[in-house]
Each structure stands twice: as structure tokens, then as C-alpha cells.
Amino acid sequence: MCAAILTICGVIALPSCSNNDDAVKPDTSVLDNWQAGKTVTKEIVDAFGGIDKCFATEPIPDGVWACMQGKTYKENPYIGRDDLRHIRALHWDYDNQMHVGEMIVNKQIADRVATILRHLFDAKYPIQRMLLPDVYDADDETQMRDNNSSCFCYRA
């Protein structure tokens, strides 16, 4: 244990502390909470569980669905929550910084879109932003000015 101190012939000897439990681990809260738009490092991604864990499709989380209401989703007879999927992905920006991204897509293409985003990431293809349009109140002009890449936005 690192706290043990040995005194030998009047000299204090500290045992080697090679236990990795004492090492400072990177803060993975950005990925744990999937904070789209935030910059992450390889160390954070590795501590989170690796690159593969950062590319996923899932049913739309309740918090995301709540934010979509009245913006990118309006009640309609054509498409519902079960028809859509939330994609989590990493991407590189134009300054070669790694960012957390997300988008909503039709469930029929979700796995293919996630695979394409992974290939773009592996090729270091730059995507400036990948935020849900709801961040911009679903305003196309504002998104375009900010160079945001997104997908689903229901327009009635």
C-alpha cells in the first residue's frame, strides 16, 4: 500500500506505488452524459470504453424526445417516436479536434448512417458540428450559418 512508510537505519523509505488505482483517471462525464458539441480526447474516449462504444444507435432518450416537441417533431399521422433512432457518434472538426455528436434519423437507415459516420471519423473527415436541430430551435438558416450537420426535422 502506498501509505505505508518504512524507516530503515534512520532513512525513510517509501514503497513503490505502481498501483493504477491511484492514477488520476480522465473525466468521462462528457461521454457518460453524451454532451454533444463538447471536445473530447483519446484518453477520455479510452477511459469511456473505446471508440466502438462511441458509435451507437438507440431509441430516442426521453430527454431528447422532450426537447424535440414543437421544434423538430410535431404530432402527425406519418411518423412517430418508434420510427426514429438517436445516433451517438464522434467526429473531427476543421481544427482536427474530436467532438461528441448526435443526430436523429429514420430507424430504417440508422445502422447504415452510424456506419457511414464511423467511416468518416476513421478517415478524419471534418464535420464542423453535429448537433440536434432543436439546439437551434429547428431554424434552418441558423443551423446553416453555424455549419451544423443534422438529419431529421419534421416540417408540417
N, C-alpha and C. Protein backbone atom coordinates (compact mmCIF):
# COMPACT_ATOMS: atom_id res chain seq x y z
N MET A 1 0.84 -1.18 0.00
CA MET A 1 0.00 0.00 0.00
C MET A 1 0.89 1.24 0.00
N CYS A 2 0.49 2.24 -0.75
CA CYS A 2 1.31 3.44 -0.91
C CYS A 2 1.43 4.26 0.37
N ALA A 3 0.50 4.13 1.29
CA ALA A 3 0.53 4.94 2.50
C ALA A 3 1.56 4.43 3.52
N ALA A 4 2.03 3.23 3.33
CA ALA A 4 2.99 2.66 4.29
C ALA A 4 4.34 3.33 4.15
N ILE A 5 4.94 3.68 5.28
CA ILE A 5 6.28 4.29 5.29
C ILE A 5 7.17 3.39 6.13
N LEU A 6 8.31 3.03 5.59
CA LEU A 6 9.26 2.19 6.31
C LEU A 6 10.46 3.02 6.73
N THR A 7 10.91 2.84 7.96
CA THR A 7 12.12 3.51 8.42
C THR A 7 13.19 2.44 8.57
N ILE A 8 14.24 2.57 7.78
CA ILE A 8 15.34 1.62 7.81
C ILE A 8 16.61 2.41 8.08
N CYS A 9 17.28 2.12 9.21
CA CYS A 9 18.53 2.79 9.59
C CYS A 9 18.37 4.30 9.58
N GLY A 10 17.24 4.80 10.04
CA GLY A 10 17.04 6.23 10.13
C GLY A 10 16.67 6.88 8.80
N VAL A 11 16.52 6.09 7.73
CA VAL A 11 16.15 6.63 6.42
C VAL A 11 14.71 6.24 6.13
N ILE A 12 13.93 7.19 5.71
CA ILE A 12 12.54 6.89 5.38
C ILE A 12 12.51 6.34 3.96
N ALA A 13 11.91 5.18 3.84
CA ALA A 13 11.78 4.55 2.52
C ALA A 13 10.30 4.45 2.17
N LEU A 14 9.94 4.95 1.03
CA LEU A 14 8.56 4.85 0.55
C LEU A 14 8.47 3.72 -0.45
N PRO A 15 7.57 2.80 -0.24
CA PRO A 15 7.44 1.71 -1.20
C PRO A 15 6.96 2.24 -2.55
N SER A 16 7.27 1.50 -3.59
CA SER A 16 6.86 1.85 -4.94
C SER A 16 5.34 1.87 -5.03
N CYS A 17 4.81 2.84 -5.72
CA CYS A 17 3.36 2.96 -5.89
C CYS A 17 3.01 2.68 -7.34
N SER A 18 2.98 1.45 -7.71
CA SER A 18 2.67 1.12 -9.10
C SER A 18 1.21 0.75 -9.27
N ASN A 19 0.42 0.90 -8.23
CA ASN A 19 -0.99 0.57 -8.29
C ASN A 19 -1.72 1.62 -9.13
N ASN A 20 -2.35 1.20 -10.22
CA ASN A 20 -3.03 2.13 -11.13
C ASN A 20 -4.29 2.73 -10.51
N ASP A 21 -4.76 2.16 -9.39
CA ASP A 21 -5.94 2.72 -8.75
C ASP A 21 -5.70 4.14 -8.25
N ASP A 22 -4.43 4.47 -7.99
CA ASP A 22 -4.09 5.80 -7.50
C ASP A 22 -3.93 6.81 -8.63
N ALA A 23 -3.87 6.34 -9.87
CA ALA A 23 -3.69 7.24 -11.02
C ALA A 23 -4.96 8.05 -11.23
N VAL A 24 -4.80 9.28 -11.68
CA VAL A 24 -5.94 10.12 -11.99
C VAL A 24 -6.53 9.64 -13.31
N LYS A 25 -7.80 9.30 -13.27
CA LYS A 25 -8.48 8.80 -14.47
C LYS A 25 -9.16 9.97 -15.17
N PRO A 26 -9.16 9.94 -16.50
CA PRO A 26 -9.83 11.02 -17.23
C PRO A 26 -11.32 11.10 -16.89
N ASP A 27 -11.84 12.29 -16.88
CA ASP A 27 -13.25 12.52 -16.60
C ASP A 27 -14.07 12.15 -17.84
N THR A 28 -14.89 11.13 -17.73
CA THR A 28 -15.68 10.67 -18.88
C THR A 28 -17.11 11.21 -18.85
N SER A 29 -17.41 12.17 -17.98
CA SER A 29 -18.78 12.64 -17.85
C SER A 29 -19.34 13.22 -19.15
N VAL A 30 -18.50 13.80 -19.99
CA VAL A 30 -18.96 14.32 -21.28
C VAL A 30 -19.56 13.20 -22.12
N LEU A 31 -18.95 12.02 -22.06
CA LEU A 31 -19.46 10.88 -22.81
C LEU A 31 -20.54 10.13 -22.03
N ASP A 32 -20.39 10.04 -20.72
CA ASP A 32 -21.41 9.38 -19.91
C ASP A 32 -22.77 10.05 -20.10
N ASN A 33 -22.76 11.37 -20.20
CA ASN A 33 -23.98 12.16 -20.36
C ASN A 33 -24.23 12.55 -21.82
N TRP A 34 -23.40 12.10 -22.71
CA TRP A 34 -23.42 12.38 -24.15
C TRP A 34 -23.72 13.86 -24.41
N GLN A 35 -22.73 14.70 -24.11
CA GLN A 35 -22.86 16.14 -24.26
C GLN A 35 -22.39 16.55 -25.65
N ALA A 36 -23.32 16.52 -26.59
CA ALA A 36 -23.00 16.84 -27.98
C ALA A 36 -22.40 18.23 -28.09
N GLY A 37 -21.39 18.34 -28.94
CA GLY A 37 -20.70 19.60 -29.17
C GLY A 37 -19.43 19.74 -28.35
N LYS A 38 -19.29 18.97 -27.30
CA LYS A 38 -18.11 19.06 -26.44
C LYS A 38 -16.91 18.38 -27.10
N THR A 39 -15.73 18.90 -26.83
CA THR A 39 -14.48 18.32 -27.31
C THR A 39 -14.06 17.22 -26.35
N VAL A 40 -13.54 16.12 -26.91
CA VAL A 40 -13.02 15.02 -26.10
C VAL A 40 -11.64 14.63 -26.60
N THR A 41 -10.90 13.94 -25.77
CA THR A 41 -9.56 13.47 -26.14
C THR A 41 -9.57 11.95 -26.26
N LYS A 42 -8.51 11.42 -26.85
CA LYS A 42 -8.37 9.97 -26.96
C LYS A 42 -8.38 9.33 -25.58
N GLU A 43 -7.75 9.98 -24.61
CA GLU A 43 -7.71 9.44 -23.25
C GLU A 43 -9.11 9.33 -22.64
N ILE A 44 -9.93 10.33 -22.88
CA ILE A 44 -11.31 10.29 -22.38
C ILE A 44 -12.08 9.17 -23.06
N VAL A 45 -11.94 9.07 -24.38
CA VAL A 45 -12.63 8.02 -25.13
C VAL A 45 -12.18 6.64 -24.66
N ASP A 46 -10.88 6.46 -24.47
CA ASP A 46 -10.36 5.17 -23.99
C ASP A 46 -10.92 4.84 -22.60
N ALA A 47 -10.96 5.83 -21.71
CA ALA A 47 -11.48 5.61 -20.36
C ALA A 47 -12.98 5.29 -20.39
N PHE A 48 -13.68 5.79 -21.39
CA PHE A 48 -15.11 5.55 -21.56
C PHE A 48 -15.38 4.12 -22.03
N GLY A 49 -14.41 3.53 -22.70
CA GLY A 49 -14.59 2.17 -23.20
C GLY A 49 -14.17 1.99 -24.64
N GLY A 50 -13.62 3.04 -25.24
CA GLY A 50 -13.09 2.95 -26.59
C GLY A 50 -14.00 3.55 -27.65
N ILE A 51 -13.42 3.68 -28.83
CA ILE A 51 -14.11 4.29 -29.97
C ILE A 51 -15.41 3.57 -30.31
N ASP A 52 -15.38 2.24 -30.34
CA ASP A 52 -16.58 1.49 -30.74
C ASP A 52 -17.79 1.83 -29.88
N LYS A 53 -17.57 2.09 -28.61
CA LYS A 53 -18.68 2.42 -27.71
C LYS A 53 -19.27 3.79 -28.02
N CYS A 54 -18.55 4.60 -28.78
CA CYS A 54 -18.98 5.97 -29.09
C CYS A 54 -19.77 6.08 -30.39
N PHE A 55 -20.03 4.97 -31.03
CA PHE A 55 -20.84 4.96 -32.24
C PHE A 55 -21.99 3.99 -32.01
N ALA A 56 -23.19 4.51 -31.81
CA ALA A 56 -24.31 3.66 -31.46
C ALA A 56 -25.62 4.26 -31.93
N THR A 57 -26.58 3.39 -32.16
CA THR A 57 -27.95 3.81 -32.42
C THR A 57 -28.79 3.32 -31.26
N GLU A 58 -29.80 4.09 -30.92
CA GLU A 58 -30.64 3.73 -29.79
C GLU A 58 -32.01 4.38 -29.96
N PRO A 59 -33.03 3.84 -29.27
CA PRO A 59 -34.30 4.56 -29.24
C PRO A 59 -34.05 5.96 -28.68
N ILE A 60 -34.87 6.89 -29.07
CA ILE A 60 -34.67 8.28 -28.63
C ILE A 60 -34.86 8.38 -27.12
N PRO A 61 -33.84 8.85 -26.40
CA PRO A 61 -33.97 9.02 -24.95
C PRO A 61 -35.08 10.02 -24.60
N ASP A 62 -35.69 9.82 -23.45
CA ASP A 62 -36.81 10.68 -23.03
C ASP A 62 -36.45 12.16 -23.04
N GLY A 63 -35.27 12.52 -22.55
CA GLY A 63 -34.87 13.92 -22.51
C GLY A 63 -34.75 14.54 -23.89
N VAL A 64 -34.21 13.77 -24.83
CA VAL A 64 -34.09 14.25 -26.21
C VAL A 64 -35.48 14.39 -26.82
N TRP A 65 -36.34 13.39 -26.60
CA TRP A 65 -37.69 13.43 -27.15
C TRP A 65 -38.45 14.66 -26.63
N ALA A 66 -38.30 14.95 -25.36
CA ALA A 66 -38.97 16.12 -24.77
C ALA A 66 -38.50 17.41 -25.44
N CYS A 67 -37.20 17.51 -25.73
CA CYS A 67 -36.65 18.71 -26.39
C CYS A 67 -37.14 18.85 -27.82
N MET A 68 -37.45 17.74 -28.47
CA MET A 68 -37.87 17.77 -29.87
C MET A 68 -39.30 18.29 -30.04
N GLN A 69 -40.11 18.17 -29.01
CA GLN A 69 -41.53 18.50 -29.11
C GLN A 69 -41.74 19.97 -29.49
N GLY A 70 -42.51 20.16 -30.56
CA GLY A 70 -42.82 21.51 -31.03
C GLY A 70 -41.72 22.16 -31.84
N LYS A 71 -40.56 21.49 -31.93
CA LYS A 71 -39.45 22.02 -32.72
C LYS A 71 -39.23 21.11 -33.92
N THR A 72 -38.45 20.06 -33.72
CA THR A 72 -38.18 19.14 -34.84
C THR A 72 -39.20 18.03 -34.94
N TYR A 73 -40.05 17.91 -33.94
CA TYR A 73 -41.13 16.93 -34.02
C TYR A 73 -42.44 17.57 -33.64
N LYS A 74 -43.41 17.37 -34.53
CA LYS A 74 -44.78 17.80 -34.27
C LYS A 74 -45.67 16.58 -34.46
N GLU A 75 -46.62 16.40 -33.57
CA GLU A 75 -47.53 15.25 -33.66
C GLU A 75 -48.10 15.17 -35.07
N ASN A 76 -48.05 13.98 -35.66
CA ASN A 76 -48.52 13.79 -37.03
C ASN A 76 -48.87 12.33 -37.24
N PRO A 77 -49.65 12.02 -38.28
CA PRO A 77 -50.05 10.63 -38.53
C PRO A 77 -49.02 9.82 -39.33
N TYR A 78 -47.91 10.40 -39.70
CA TYR A 78 -46.98 9.75 -40.62
C TYR A 78 -45.76 9.12 -39.96
N ILE A 79 -45.23 9.77 -38.96
CA ILE A 79 -44.01 9.26 -38.33
C ILE A 79 -44.07 9.52 -36.83
N GLY A 80 -43.69 8.51 -36.07
CA GLY A 80 -43.72 8.62 -34.62
C GLY A 80 -42.36 8.33 -34.01
N ARG A 81 -42.30 8.40 -32.72
CA ARG A 81 -41.05 8.17 -31.99
C ARG A 81 -40.44 6.81 -32.31
N ASP A 82 -41.27 5.78 -32.41
CA ASP A 82 -40.77 4.43 -32.68
C ASP A 82 -40.18 4.29 -34.08
N ASP A 83 -40.45 5.23 -34.97
CA ASP A 83 -39.91 5.20 -36.33
C ASP A 83 -38.52 5.84 -36.42
N LEU A 84 -38.08 6.44 -35.33
CA LEU A 84 -36.83 7.21 -35.33
C LEU A 84 -35.80 6.60 -34.39
N ARG A 85 -34.54 6.93 -34.63
CA ARG A 85 -33.46 6.50 -33.75
C ARG A 85 -32.51 7.66 -33.49
N HIS A 86 -31.89 7.62 -32.32
CA HIS A 86 -30.88 8.58 -31.90
C HIS A 86 -29.52 7.96 -32.20
N ILE A 87 -28.68 8.68 -32.92
CA ILE A 87 -27.33 8.20 -33.22
C ILE A 87 -26.34 9.00 -32.39
N ARG A 88 -25.46 8.27 -31.72
CA ARG A 88 -24.34 8.88 -31.00
C ARG A 88 -23.10 8.62 -31.84
N ALA A 89 -22.30 9.65 -32.07
CA ALA A 89 -21.10 9.50 -32.89
C ALA A 89 -20.06 10.55 -32.51
N LEU A 90 -18.82 10.21 -32.76
CA LEU A 90 -17.74 11.17 -32.63
C LEU A 90 -17.45 11.73 -34.01
N HIS A 91 -16.88 12.92 -34.06
CA HIS A 91 -16.46 13.49 -35.35
C HIS A 91 -15.29 14.43 -35.11
N TRP A 92 -14.58 14.70 -36.18
CA TRP A 92 -13.45 15.64 -36.16
C TRP A 92 -13.92 16.96 -36.72
N ASP A 93 -13.45 18.07 -36.15
CA ASP A 93 -13.77 19.37 -36.72
C ASP A 93 -12.64 19.81 -37.65
N TYR A 94 -12.72 21.03 -38.15
CA TYR A 94 -11.73 21.52 -39.11
C TYR A 94 -10.39 21.85 -38.46
N ASP A 95 -10.34 21.85 -37.13
CA ASP A 95 -9.08 22.07 -36.41
C ASP A 95 -8.51 20.76 -35.87
N ASN A 96 -9.03 19.64 -36.39
CA ASN A 96 -8.57 18.30 -36.00
C ASN A 96 -8.83 18.00 -34.52
N GLN A 97 -9.91 18.56 -33.99
CA GLN A 97 -10.34 18.28 -32.62
C GLN A 97 -11.49 17.28 -32.66
N MET A 98 -11.49 16.33 -31.73
CA MET A 98 -12.53 15.32 -31.66
C MET A 98 -13.71 15.84 -30.84
N HIS A 99 -14.92 15.67 -31.38
CA HIS A 99 -16.13 16.16 -30.72
C HIS A 99 -17.18 15.07 -30.58
N VAL A 100 -18.05 15.28 -29.62
CA VAL A 100 -19.21 14.44 -29.40
C VAL A 100 -20.32 14.96 -30.31
N GLY A 101 -21.00 14.06 -31.03
CA GLY A 101 -22.08 14.47 -31.91
C GLY A 101 -23.29 13.56 -31.77
N GLU A 102 -24.40 14.03 -32.31
CA GLU A 102 -25.63 13.23 -32.29
C GLU A 102 -26.54 13.68 -33.41
N MET A 103 -27.42 12.77 -33.83
CA MET A 103 -28.46 13.11 -34.78
C MET A 103 -29.61 12.13 -34.66
N ILE A 104 -30.75 12.53 -35.17
CA ILE A 104 -31.94 11.69 -35.22
C ILE A 104 -32.16 11.30 -36.67
N VAL A 105 -32.42 10.00 -36.91
CA VAL A 105 -32.66 9.51 -38.26
C VAL A 105 -33.80 8.50 -38.23
N ASN A 106 -34.33 8.17 -39.40
CA ASN A 106 -35.31 7.11 -39.52
C ASN A 106 -34.67 5.79 -39.12
N LYS A 107 -35.39 4.96 -38.38
CA LYS A 107 -34.80 3.71 -37.88
C LYS A 107 -34.38 2.77 -39.00
N GLN A 108 -35.00 2.89 -40.18
CA GLN A 108 -34.65 2.01 -41.30
C GLN A 108 -33.24 2.26 -41.83
N ILE A 109 -32.71 3.44 -41.59
CA ILE A 109 -31.35 3.75 -42.09
C ILE A 109 -30.35 4.00 -40.96
N ALA A 110 -30.78 3.88 -39.72
CA ALA A 110 -29.93 4.27 -38.58
C ALA A 110 -28.60 3.54 -38.54
N ASP A 111 -28.61 2.23 -38.69
CA ASP A 111 -27.35 1.48 -38.63
C ASP A 111 -26.41 1.86 -39.76
N ARG A 112 -26.98 2.08 -40.95
CA ARG A 112 -26.13 2.48 -42.09
C ARG A 112 -25.54 3.87 -41.88
N VAL A 113 -26.33 4.77 -41.36
CA VAL A 113 -25.82 6.13 -41.11
C VAL A 113 -24.72 6.09 -40.04
N ALA A 114 -24.92 5.31 -38.99
CA ALA A 114 -23.90 5.20 -37.95
C ALA A 114 -22.61 4.62 -38.52
N THR A 115 -22.73 3.64 -39.41
CA THR A 115 -21.55 3.05 -40.06
C THR A 115 -20.84 4.08 -40.93
N ILE A 116 -21.60 4.86 -41.67
CA ILE A 116 -21.00 5.91 -42.51
C ILE A 116 -20.28 6.94 -41.64
N LEU A 117 -20.91 7.35 -40.55
CA LEU A 117 -20.27 8.32 -39.65
C LEU A 117 -18.98 7.75 -39.07
N ARG A 118 -18.96 6.46 -38.78
CA ARG A 118 -17.74 5.83 -38.27
C ARG A 118 -16.65 5.85 -39.33
N HIS A 119 -17.01 5.54 -40.58
CA HIS A 119 -16.02 5.58 -41.67
C HIS A 119 -15.47 7.00 -41.85
N LEU A 120 -16.34 7.99 -41.78
CA LEU A 120 -15.90 9.38 -41.89
C LEU A 120 -14.96 9.74 -40.74
N PHE A 121 -15.28 9.29 -39.54
CA PHE A 121 -14.43 9.53 -38.38
C PHE A 121 -13.07 8.89 -38.58
N ASP A 122 -13.06 7.63 -38.99
CA ASP A 122 -11.80 6.91 -39.18
C ASP A 122 -10.92 7.58 -40.24
N ALA A 123 -11.57 8.18 -41.25
CA ALA A 123 -10.84 8.88 -42.31
C ALA A 123 -10.47 10.31 -41.91
N LYS A 124 -10.87 10.70 -40.69
CA LYS A 124 -10.65 12.07 -40.18
C LYS A 124 -11.30 13.13 -41.07
N TYR A 125 -12.42 12.76 -41.68
CA TYR A 125 -13.20 13.70 -42.49
C TYR A 125 -13.81 14.75 -41.54
N PRO A 126 -13.57 16.03 -41.81
CA PRO A 126 -14.06 17.06 -40.88
C PRO A 126 -15.56 17.34 -41.01
N ILE A 127 -16.21 17.38 -39.88
CA ILE A 127 -17.60 17.80 -39.75
C ILE A 127 -17.59 18.87 -38.66
N GLN A 128 -17.93 20.09 -39.01
CA GLN A 128 -17.80 21.18 -38.04
C GLN A 128 -18.64 20.97 -36.79
N ARG A 129 -19.91 20.65 -36.99
CA ARG A 129 -20.81 20.44 -35.85
C ARG A 129 -21.80 19.34 -36.19
N MET A 130 -22.21 18.59 -35.16
CA MET A 130 -23.23 17.56 -35.32
C MET A 130 -24.14 17.62 -34.09
N LEU A 131 -25.00 18.63 -34.11
CA LEU A 131 -25.93 18.87 -33.01
C LEU A 131 -27.35 18.65 -33.49
N LEU A 132 -28.24 18.34 -32.58
CA LEU A 132 -29.64 18.22 -32.96
C LEU A 132 -30.18 19.59 -33.35
N PRO A 133 -31.04 19.66 -34.36
CA PRO A 133 -31.59 20.95 -34.80
C PRO A 133 -32.34 21.69 -33.70
N ASP A 134 -32.77 20.96 -32.69
CA ASP A 134 -33.50 21.58 -31.58
C ASP A 134 -32.65 22.60 -30.84
N VAL A 135 -31.33 22.42 -30.87
CA VAL A 135 -30.41 23.39 -30.26
C VAL A 135 -30.59 24.76 -30.91
N TYR A 136 -31.00 24.74 -32.17
CA TYR A 136 -31.19 25.96 -32.96
C TYR A 136 -32.68 26.29 -33.11
N ASP A 137 -33.52 25.74 -32.25
CA ASP A 137 -34.97 25.89 -32.36
C ASP A 137 -35.47 25.48 -33.74
N ALA A 138 -34.79 24.50 -34.35
CA ALA A 138 -35.15 23.95 -35.65
C ALA A 138 -35.12 25.00 -36.76
N ASP A 139 -34.33 26.04 -36.59
CA ASP A 139 -34.22 27.10 -37.59
C ASP A 139 -33.11 26.75 -38.58
N ASP A 140 -33.51 26.50 -39.83
CA ASP A 140 -32.55 26.07 -40.86
C ASP A 140 -31.47 27.11 -41.13
N GLU A 141 -31.86 28.36 -41.22
CA GLU A 141 -30.89 29.42 -41.53
C GLU A 141 -29.80 29.50 -40.46
N THR A 142 -30.21 29.43 -39.21
CA THR A 142 -29.25 29.49 -38.10
C THR A 142 -28.31 28.29 -38.14
N GLN A 143 -28.87 27.11 -38.39
CA GLN A 143 -28.03 25.91 -38.48
C GLN A 143 -27.02 26.01 -39.61
N MET A 144 -27.47 26.48 -40.75
CA MET A 144 -26.57 26.58 -41.91
C MET A 144 -25.44 27.58 -41.64
N ARG A 145 -25.77 28.71 -41.02
CA ARG A 145 -24.74 29.69 -40.69
C ARG A 145 -23.71 29.11 -39.72
N ASP A 146 -24.14 28.18 -38.87
CA ASP A 146 -23.25 27.56 -37.89
C ASP A 146 -22.58 26.29 -38.44
N ASN A 147 -22.88 25.95 -39.69
CA ASN A 147 -22.31 24.77 -40.35
C ASN A 147 -22.59 23.50 -39.55
N ASN A 148 -23.85 23.33 -39.15
CA ASN A 148 -24.28 22.17 -38.38
C ASN A 148 -24.78 21.07 -39.31
N SER A 149 -24.32 19.85 -39.06
CA SER A 149 -24.79 18.68 -39.81
C SER A 149 -25.84 17.97 -38.97
N SER A 150 -27.03 17.81 -39.55
CA SER A 150 -28.12 17.15 -38.83
C SER A 150 -28.94 16.33 -39.81
N CYS A 151 -29.99 15.71 -39.31
CA CYS A 151 -30.80 14.87 -40.19
C CYS A 151 -32.28 15.20 -39.99
N PHE A 152 -32.97 14.46 -39.14
CA PHE A 152 -34.42 14.58 -39.03
C PHE A 152 -34.87 15.93 -38.49
N CYS A 153 -35.84 16.51 -39.20
CA CYS A 153 -36.51 17.72 -38.75
C CYS A 153 -37.87 17.73 -39.44
N TYR A 154 -38.92 17.40 -38.71
CA TYR A 154 -40.26 17.32 -39.29
C TYR A 154 -40.78 18.72 -39.57
N ARG A 155 -41.20 18.93 -40.80
CA ARG A 155 -41.76 20.23 -41.20
C ARG A 155 -43.19 20.01 -41.65
N ALA A 156 -44.11 20.66 -41.00
CA ALA A 156 -45.53 20.49 -41.34
C ALA A 156 -45.96 21.53 -42.33
